[in-house]
Structure formats: C-alpha cells, structure tokens
C-alpha cells in the first residue's frame, strides 16, 4: 500500500519529451511533489541548465501526486493522484502555466504511474493497490479521458510501480515490484490491452523502472533489491521479451548492493545511465552496444555525483542534459540535479542543483 512516505522514495514513470522549436534555448519541466500536493513548473535554459519558476507555480493537484505526463501536442498534462485515486487534467498555456480542468477522472486505488503512447491517443494509469491498469482514450481537442470498454485490466503481477510505452507506440510494459516481473501488453486506439507472448517475464527483485533505447529495440529494468539491471530485446511484431546476453548486469560499489532506482538511455543510444538511491556518486554510466543492446565498459570517472538520494533520471528535450530527482533526507527537502552529457565520451558534468522545496516523485518535459 502506498502512502506519502512510500511515495517519497519513488519516482515516476512516464516521462515524455516533445520535439519542435529546435532553435529555442528554453524548455519547461513539470515536477510532482506529493508532500505539498502540487506540481511545480520551471523554465529551463537548455544551454546553462538554470531553472526559473513559472509565475503562479506551484499548482495544486489531488492528494499525493505520483506521476505526470505531457501530451505530445503540448496542450495538456495529466497527473496521477495516488492519495485520492484520480487523474487530473491540465491545460498548458504558452507560458507553461497550468489550469486544471475539473472534474478529475477516477482510477483504481493508488495510481503509481502514468504512461502515454507517443501519438497521444491513449493514457494508462498503473494502480498499485489493485494490481491493475486503468486505460483511457484521449480526446485530441479537449484532452478529456474516456475509459476503455474492458478497463481496468489485470497487470498479471503484484505491486506494479512503473510503466512505459515503447517508442513505436505498440506495446505497454509494467514493472511489478512485488513479483519480480515485467508484464507486456499490446493495445488498440481505445486503450484495450492484450498480453504479449510469455508475459509476465521474470526479472530481478524489486523492479521499479522501465526504459528503452531510442530505436525501441531494447528494454531495461533496474532491480532495486539486487543491485542489478535486466536487459531484453523486444520482438517488434509480438512484443515478447528475450534476455540479452549477460543479463542481469551488475552495478557494484565494492561489495555493497546498490539500491538501483532508475535507468535512462541517452538519445544517441551510445550510453546508458543507472541511478542508485544513496547519498553520493550515484549516477553510473556505461557504454552501450547499439546493435546488441548489451552494456559495455563503465564510462571514465563513473559514478558521477547526482545529488542526495537519486530517485529518478530523465533526458531533457534536447538530448544534451539529464535531470536527476533528489529526494534528500525527508519530505520537506528535495532537488533536481542537472547534468550535461558529453557526446564524445558520455562524461557527465554538473551544471545546477535546484531546490524543489519538497520531495519530487516525477518529471515531465516540454519544449
């Protein structure tokens, strides 16, 4: 069962970067903070990584927001409220400001993550307490949600925490933290789900994130209790998962098992970064074989300092920056650490650390 204390060590699921306006130096980031029931919005300088809070931010949500996604049109944002079992819909203005559209949409109990397809036609709410998925079709004009006829759908696993839709928009994958598995589904335009072959697929203990390479050929899952991350190839036709050679891959610090919290593949597909929920030097970088999907040698100088208690990591809209969510030492603290990626060798350089005033659980970006 998720409560606010539990949410404070989680990051969310559903991070969506939007394309367009290639010459712009700025982007917007949206950050959920459950301890003050809000979304904080910042304008970010894509060159320097500096944050400036948008006027009127933070914006109120439902109780204990756990996850946020932004529609690919840039017109709407959706927030899962784990404390009152709803999804909030917001209109996004040209300044990045949010205006909520009421009433909120009901989900299953304790939604822990949202996931949306790249076309913005369907939205999925992963309901941790009920072990199921609420599926909705999205009205492109208004952003309104309509439940799929078969919703909710069982996850076929226990304790679902994270979810993501494959880059081609064909498959939904869910990390089931309590049953050490990943469930895969295909879906139609209304959001109706059909399990893929061999689902659920076993992974390590405590899976708590889903990430893909940019081409959508490979899937990666950090196993928080094992200090490893699992890698799979994805059958482009069926969505079935096959383990990569050498998976699961170990991330070690001496003999300590690291509590791995999230993973991201940078947009060129050459490097993969894994975070650990510990106090320092907690972003581990590795080269990545773009043909096989198998990680190789650690990047020189890895691990990199990513702030205290790195709970999630996400690429910005330019593919040049990484945002790390820091959950500090309590519910009233938290920050976002911004790192620049060197395309030549994958090295990370610290740019800024921005206080969020409260523990962040998810981030979404918009250009």
Foldseek 3Di string as FASTA:
>chain_A
DDDLVNLLLFFEAAADFEDDPVVDQWWKKWFDAQVVQWIWIWIAGNVQRDTDTQPPPTDHHAHRWAEKEAARVNQWMWTQHQVPQWIWIWGQDPSRDTDTDDDTHHHAHRFRYKEAFNNRQKIWTQHQVVQWIWIWGADPVPRDTDTAPPPTGHQQAHRWHYWYAFNVRFKIWTQHQQGQWIWMWGADSGGDTDTFPPPTDHAAHGWHYWEAAQVRQKIKTDHQVQQWIWMWGADPPGRDTDTAPPPGGHDDDVPDRFRWAYKYQQNVNQKIWIAGQAAFLGIWMFTADSVRRDTDDTFPPHSHGFHHGFRYWDAHNVSFKIWTWHSPDDFQWIWIWIWGADPVGRDTDTRDIGIPRGRTRYMYMYD
